[in-house]
Amino acid sequence: MDSFTGEATTPDASRAMKRLCRHWSHKYEVQFDDSSGVIQLNDVRLTMHAADDRLTVTLANPAGEVPQRLLGVVNEHLQRMAGDPALQLRWAGRDTEPSRQKE
């Protein structure tokens, strides 16, 4: 299993997460409520948890690798949905700091 976890500090975590879920719901299978969301991006599952001041995002592929480019795609879309170009996910996983997470 390949996975990356990212975290961003933002006062609008729930709003950004819900907007991203609605944005991608026309193309992917999506489930969400006020505090969590799941988007199935082909083989990769994007799971999000919104707290008062932060958004935690996990990209996981149980059968293979998570494409590195997907980290940038998710970050860029979250910035647009939040309306905040300064929103930046800090990723942990393969080829990022700290090291790779595996199960």
Protein backbone atom coordinates (compact mmCIF):
# COMPACT_ATOMS: atom_id res chain seq x y z
CA MET A 1 0.00 0.00 0.00
CA ASP A 2 1.33 3.39 -1.01
CA SER A 3 0.07 6.48 0.81
CA PHE A 4 0.76 10.17 1.40
CA THR A 5 -0.71 12.35 4.12
CA GLY A 6 -0.90 16.11 3.85
CA GLU A 7 -2.00 18.76 6.29
CA ALA A 8 -2.89 22.42 5.85
CA THR A 9 -3.76 25.03 8.43
CA THR A 10 -6.89 26.92 7.39
CA PRO A 11 -9.89 28.39 9.20
CA ASP A 12 -12.14 27.18 6.34
CA ALA A 13 -11.18 23.49 6.25
CA SER A 14 -14.74 22.16 6.10
CA ARG A 15 -15.79 24.62 3.39
CA ALA A 16 -12.77 23.85 1.18
CA MET A 17 -13.23 20.09 1.63
CA LYS A 18 -16.94 20.19 0.79
CA ARG A 19 -16.33 22.40 -2.25
CA LEU A 20 -13.65 19.98 -3.53
CA CYS A 21 -16.02 17.04 -3.03
CA ARG A 22 -18.82 18.78 -4.93
CA HIS A 23 -16.36 19.89 -7.64
CA TRP A 24 -15.18 16.33 -8.31
CA SER A 25 -18.56 14.63 -7.78
CA HIS A 26 -19.40 14.90 -11.49
CA LYS A 27 -16.38 12.77 -12.38
CA TYR A 28 -15.64 10.53 -9.37
CA GLU A 29 -17.45 8.64 -6.63
CA VAL A 30 -17.71 11.04 -3.68
CA GLN A 31 -19.04 10.88 -0.11
CA PHE A 32 -18.84 13.75 2.39
CA ASP A 33 -20.36 15.52 5.37
CA ASP A 34 -19.26 18.58 7.38
CA SER A 35 -16.16 16.95 8.87
CA SER A 36 -14.98 14.28 6.42
CA GLY A 37 -14.91 13.40 2.76
CA VAL A 38 -13.83 10.56 0.49
CA ILE A 39 -13.17 10.80 -3.25
CA GLN A 40 -12.27 7.70 -5.26
CA LEU A 41 -9.79 8.91 -7.91
CA ASN A 42 -9.63 5.75 -10.02
CA ASP A 43 -7.27 3.46 -8.00
CA VAL A 44 -6.40 6.14 -5.43
CA ARG A 45 -8.64 7.00 -2.50
CA LEU A 46 -8.55 10.60 -1.27
CA THR A 47 -9.72 10.84 2.35
CA MET A 48 -10.13 14.21 4.09
CA HIS A 49 -10.82 15.25 7.69
CA ALA A 50 -11.67 18.84 8.56
CA ALA A 51 -11.03 20.23 12.05
CA ASP A 52 -11.54 23.78 13.30
CA ASP A 53 -8.21 25.06 12.02
CA ARG A 54 -6.79 22.34 9.78
CA LEU A 55 -7.48 19.96 6.95
CA THR A 56 -5.83 16.54 6.84
CA VAL A 57 -5.72 14.74 3.49
CA THR A 58 -4.62 11.17 2.74
CA LEU A 59 -4.02 9.71 -0.71
CA ALA A 60 -3.81 5.90 -0.64
CA ASN A 61 -3.59 3.15 -3.23
CA PRO A 62 -3.93 -0.32 -1.68
CA ALA A 63 -2.87 -2.06 -4.92
CA GLY A 64 0.00 0.10 -6.12
CA GLU A 65 1.63 3.49 -6.12
CA VAL A 66 0.08 6.91 -5.71
CA PRO A 67 1.27 9.03 -8.67
CA GLN A 68 3.50 11.86 -7.35
CA ARG A 69 1.74 14.37 -9.64
CA LEU A 70 -1.53 13.75 -7.80
CA LEU A 71 -0.18 15.58 -4.74
CA GLY A 72 0.10 18.78 -6.76
CA VAL A 73 -3.30 18.27 -8.40
CA VAL A 74 -5.03 17.90 -5.02
CA ASN A 75 -3.18 20.88 -3.54
CA GLU A 76 -3.98 23.10 -6.54
CA HIS A 77 -7.66 22.18 -6.49
CA LEU A 78 -7.91 22.77 -2.74
CA GLN A 79 -6.33 26.21 -3.17
CA ARG A 80 -8.93 27.08 -5.81
CA MET A 81 -11.84 25.69 -3.78
CA ALA A 82 -10.68 27.59 -0.67
CA GLY A 83 -10.06 30.75 -2.69
CA ASP A 84 -6.69 30.94 -0.93
CA PRO A 85 -3.53 30.57 -3.03
CA ALA A 86 -1.51 30.53 0.22
CA LEU A 87 -3.17 27.30 1.39
CA GLN A 88 -0.42 24.70 1.17
CA LEU A 89 -0.62 21.02 2.05
CA ARG A 90 2.51 19.75 3.80
CA TRP A 91 2.91 16.19 2.52
CA ALA A 92 4.53 13.17 4.15
CA GLY A 93 5.17 10.00 2.17
CA ARG A 94 7.36 8.67 -0.63
CA ASP A 95 9.91 11.25 -1.88
CA THR A 96 8.69 13.81 0.66
CA GLU A 97 9.58 14.63 4.27
CA PRO A 98 9.27 12.67 6.51
CA SER A 99 9.74 9.21 5.02
CA ARG A 100 7.32 6.89 3.23
CA GLN A 101 4.33 5.32 4.95
CA LYS A 102 3.69 1.65 4.12
CA GLU A 103 1.42 -1.07 5.42
